[in-house]
Amino acid sequence: MTWSIIFHDRSSGRIAIAVATKFFAVGARVPNIEPQKGAVCTQAMTNPLYGPHGLRLIREGVGAADVVRILTTPDAGREHRQVHVMGADGRFAAHTGAECVPW
């Protein structure tokens, strides 16, 4: 079981991600931050491409909902994954696949 949260301090622009899990080395897979721009958290059956690709989209100005759609639509494993995104505008979007293990 993995829990993650994205925090954005609007006054300073700082972004942080906190993760709690039983899995080893999640810091290499779950949290992805583009300073002063946005963040991507990917968990469950993690797709390691979601973070770098999502951050590139955020840098290009793509909104959070569209980032989630662009990441998940072509992914055959999307029903086993979770991802949440905070875009450069501070808005959030998320996806939890129908086949994710219930908490």
C-alpha atoms as a PDB file:
ATOM      1  CA  MET A   1       0.000   0.000   0.000  1.00  0.00           C
ATOM      2  CA  THR A   2       1.327   3.416  -0.970  1.00  0.00           C
ATOM      3  CA  TRP A   3      -0.034   6.840  -0.029  1.00  0.00           C
ATOM      4  CA  SER A   4       1.255  10.046  -1.536  1.00  0.00           C
ATOM      5  CA  ILE A   5       0.323  13.692  -1.401  1.00  0.00           C
ATOM      6  CA  ILE A   6       1.418  16.788  -3.311  1.00  0.00           C
ATOM      7  CA  PHE A   7       1.705  20.051  -1.386  1.00  0.00           C
ATOM      8  CA  HIS A   8       1.993  23.494  -2.939  1.00  0.00           C
ATOM      9  CA  ASP A   9       2.733  26.605  -0.869  1.00  0.00           C
ATOM     10  CA  ARG A  10       1.207  29.351  -2.966  1.00  0.00           C
ATOM     11  CA  SER A  11       3.012  32.162  -1.147  1.00  0.00           C
ATOM     12  CA  SER A  12       6.504  30.781  -1.862  1.00  0.00           C
ATOM     13  CA  GLY A  13       5.773  28.584  -4.892  1.00  0.00           C
ATOM     14  CA  ARG A  14       7.440  25.632  -3.185  1.00  0.00           C
ATOM     15  CA  ILE A  15       6.195  22.155  -4.005  1.00  0.00           C
ATOM     16  CA  ALA A  16       6.648  19.035  -1.890  1.00  0.00           C
ATOM     17  CA  ILE A  17       5.617  15.408  -2.094  1.00  0.00           C
ATOM     18  CA  ALA A  18       5.246  13.045   0.861  1.00  0.00           C
ATOM     19  CA  VAL A  19       5.074   9.279   0.391  1.00  0.00           C
ATOM     20  CA  ALA A  20       4.347   6.487   2.853  1.00  0.00           C
ATOM     21  CA  THR A  21       4.650   2.876   1.752  1.00  0.00           C
ATOM     22  CA  LYS A  22       5.952  -0.578   2.539  1.00  0.00           C
ATOM     23  CA  PHE A  23       7.816  -0.804  -0.769  1.00  0.00           C
ATOM     24  CA  PHE A  24      11.562  -0.333  -1.168  1.00  0.00           C
ATOM     25  CA  ALA A  25      13.059   2.723  -2.911  1.00  0.00           C
ATOM     26  CA  VAL A  26       9.824   4.500  -3.805  1.00  0.00           C
ATOM     27  CA  GLY A  27      11.695   7.787  -3.892  1.00  0.00           C
ATOM     28  CA  ALA A  28      13.027   6.724  -7.271  1.00  0.00           C
ATOM     29  CA  ARG A  29       9.551   6.066  -8.706  1.00  0.00           C
ATOM     30  CA  VAL A  30       6.700   7.894  -6.972  1.00  0.00           C
ATOM     31  CA  PRO A  31       7.636  11.590  -6.550  1.00  0.00           C
ATOM     32  CA  ASN A  32       8.436  13.812  -9.518  1.00  0.00           C
ATOM     33  CA  ILE A  33       8.701  17.592  -9.104  1.00  0.00           C
ATOM     34  CA  GLU A  34       9.422  20.438 -11.486  1.00  0.00           C
ATOM     35  CA  PRO A  35      10.396  23.279  -9.099  1.00  0.00           C
ATOM     36  CA  GLN A  36       8.035  26.253  -9.182  1.00  0.00           C
ATOM     37  CA  LYS A  37       5.905  24.487 -11.848  1.00  0.00           C
ATOM     38  CA  GLY A  38       4.162  21.256 -10.828  1.00  0.00           C
ATOM     39  CA  ALA A  39       4.401  17.645  -9.766  1.00  0.00           C
ATOM     40  CA  VAL A  40       3.498  14.090 -10.740  1.00  0.00           C
ATOM     41  CA  CYS A  41       3.038  11.153  -8.363  1.00  0.00           C
ATOM     42  CA  THR A  42       2.694   7.704  -9.854  1.00  0.00           C
ATOM     43  CA  GLN A  43       1.998   4.591  -7.813  1.00  0.00           C
ATOM     44  CA  ALA A  44       0.326   1.172  -7.772  1.00  0.00           C
ATOM     45  CA  MET A  45       1.838  -0.729 -10.724  1.00  0.00           C
ATOM     46  CA  THR A  46       4.073   2.249 -11.440  1.00  0.00           C
ATOM     47  CA  ASN A  47       4.842   3.314 -14.964  1.00  0.00           C
ATOM     48  CA  PRO A  48       8.310   4.895 -14.664  1.00  0.00           C
ATOM     49  CA  LEU A  49       7.677   7.031 -17.755  1.00  0.00           C
ATOM     50  CA  TYR A  50       4.757   8.921 -16.193  1.00  0.00           C
ATOM     51  CA  GLY A  51       7.001  11.162 -14.078  1.00  0.00           C
ATOM     52  CA  PRO A  52       9.468  12.436 -16.700  1.00  0.00           C
ATOM     53  CA  HIS A  53       6.818  12.669 -19.437  1.00  0.00           C
ATOM     54  CA  GLY A  54       4.351  14.391 -17.103  1.00  0.00           C
ATOM     55  CA  LEU A  55       6.938  16.954 -15.997  1.00  0.00           C
ATOM     56  CA  ARG A  56       7.806  17.727 -19.611  1.00  0.00           C
ATOM     57  CA  LEU A  57       4.117  18.356 -20.325  1.00  0.00           C
ATOM     58  CA  ILE A  58       3.824  20.601 -17.250  1.00  0.00           C
ATOM     59  CA  ARG A  59       6.852  22.618 -18.418  1.00  0.00           C
ATOM     60  CA  GLU A  60       5.082  23.036 -21.775  1.00  0.00           C
ATOM     61  CA  GLY A  61       2.027  24.484 -19.996  1.00  0.00           C
ATOM     62  CA  VAL A  62      -0.303  21.491 -20.327  1.00  0.00           C
ATOM     63  CA  GLY A  63      -2.988  21.470 -17.600  1.00  0.00           C
ATOM     64  CA  ALA A  64      -3.216  18.707 -14.986  1.00  0.00           C
ATOM     65  CA  ALA A  65      -6.320  17.005 -16.423  1.00  0.00           C
ATOM     66  CA  ASP A  66      -4.754  16.871 -19.879  1.00  0.00           C
ATOM     67  CA  VAL A  67      -1.469  15.563 -18.451  1.00  0.00           C
ATOM     68  CA  VAL A  68      -3.347  12.685 -16.801  1.00  0.00           C
ATOM     69  CA  ARG A  69      -5.238  11.954 -20.034  1.00  0.00           C
ATOM     70  CA  ILE A  70      -2.072  12.083 -22.182  1.00  0.00           C
ATOM     71  CA  LEU A  71      -0.194   9.775 -19.792  1.00  0.00           C
ATOM     72  CA  THR A  72      -2.923   7.192 -19.274  1.00  0.00           C
ATOM     73  CA  THR A  73      -4.734   6.932 -22.628  1.00  0.00           C
ATOM     74  CA  PRO A  74      -2.003   5.081 -24.571  1.00  0.00           C
ATOM     75  CA  ASP A  75      -0.915   2.970 -21.559  1.00  0.00           C
ATOM     76  CA  ALA A  76      -2.181  -0.618 -21.780  1.00  0.00           C
ATOM     77  CA  GLY A  77      -1.530  -1.008 -18.032  1.00  0.00           C
ATOM     78  CA  ARG A  78      -3.483   2.106 -16.980  1.00  0.00           C
ATOM     79  CA  GLU A  79      -6.194   0.096 -15.187  1.00  0.00           C
ATOM     80  CA  HIS A  80      -3.543  -1.104 -12.681  1.00  0.00           C
ATOM     81  CA  ARG A  81      -2.027   2.321 -12.024  1.00  0.00           C
ATOM     82  CA  GLN A  82      -2.584   5.497 -10.062  1.00  0.00           C
ATOM     83  CA  VAL A  83      -1.290   8.943 -10.937  1.00  0.00           C
ATOM     84  CA  HIS A  84      -2.013  12.406  -9.624  1.00  0.00           C
ATOM     85  CA  VAL A  85      -0.765  15.642 -11.056  1.00  0.00           C
ATOM     86  CA  MET A  86      -0.504  19.240  -9.973  1.00  0.00           C
ATOM     87  CA  GLY A  87      -0.154  21.510 -12.988  1.00  0.00           C
ATOM     88  CA  ALA A  88       1.667  24.820 -13.258  1.00  0.00           C
ATOM     89  CA  ASP A  89      -1.613  26.629 -12.530  1.00  0.00           C
ATOM     90  CA  GLY A  90      -1.961  24.796  -9.178  1.00  0.00           C
ATOM     91  CA  ARG A  91      -4.879  22.634 -10.302  1.00  0.00           C
ATOM     92  CA  PHE A  92      -4.981  18.903  -9.623  1.00  0.00           C
ATOM     93  CA  ALA A  93      -6.153  15.846 -11.537  1.00  0.00           C
ATOM     94  CA  ALA A  94      -5.907  12.136 -10.815  1.00  0.00           C
ATOM     95  CA  HIS A  95      -6.485   8.670 -12.239  1.00  0.00           C
ATOM     96  CA  THR A  96      -7.059   5.425 -10.373  1.00  0.00           C
ATOM     97  CA  GLY A  97      -7.413   2.414 -12.637  1.00  0.00           C
ATOM     98  CA  ALA A  98     -10.339   0.074 -12.132  1.00  0.00           C
ATOM     99  CA  GLU A  99      -8.000  -2.868 -11.426  1.00  0.00           C
ATOM    100  CA  CYS A 100      -5.998  -1.192  -8.637  1.00  0.00           C
ATOM    101  CA  VAL A 101      -5.947  -3.160  -5.413  1.00  0.00           C
ATOM    102  CA  PRO A 102      -8.409  -1.560  -2.959  1.00  0.00           C
ATOM    103  CA  TRP A 103      -6.824  -0.091   0.150  1.00  0.00           C
END
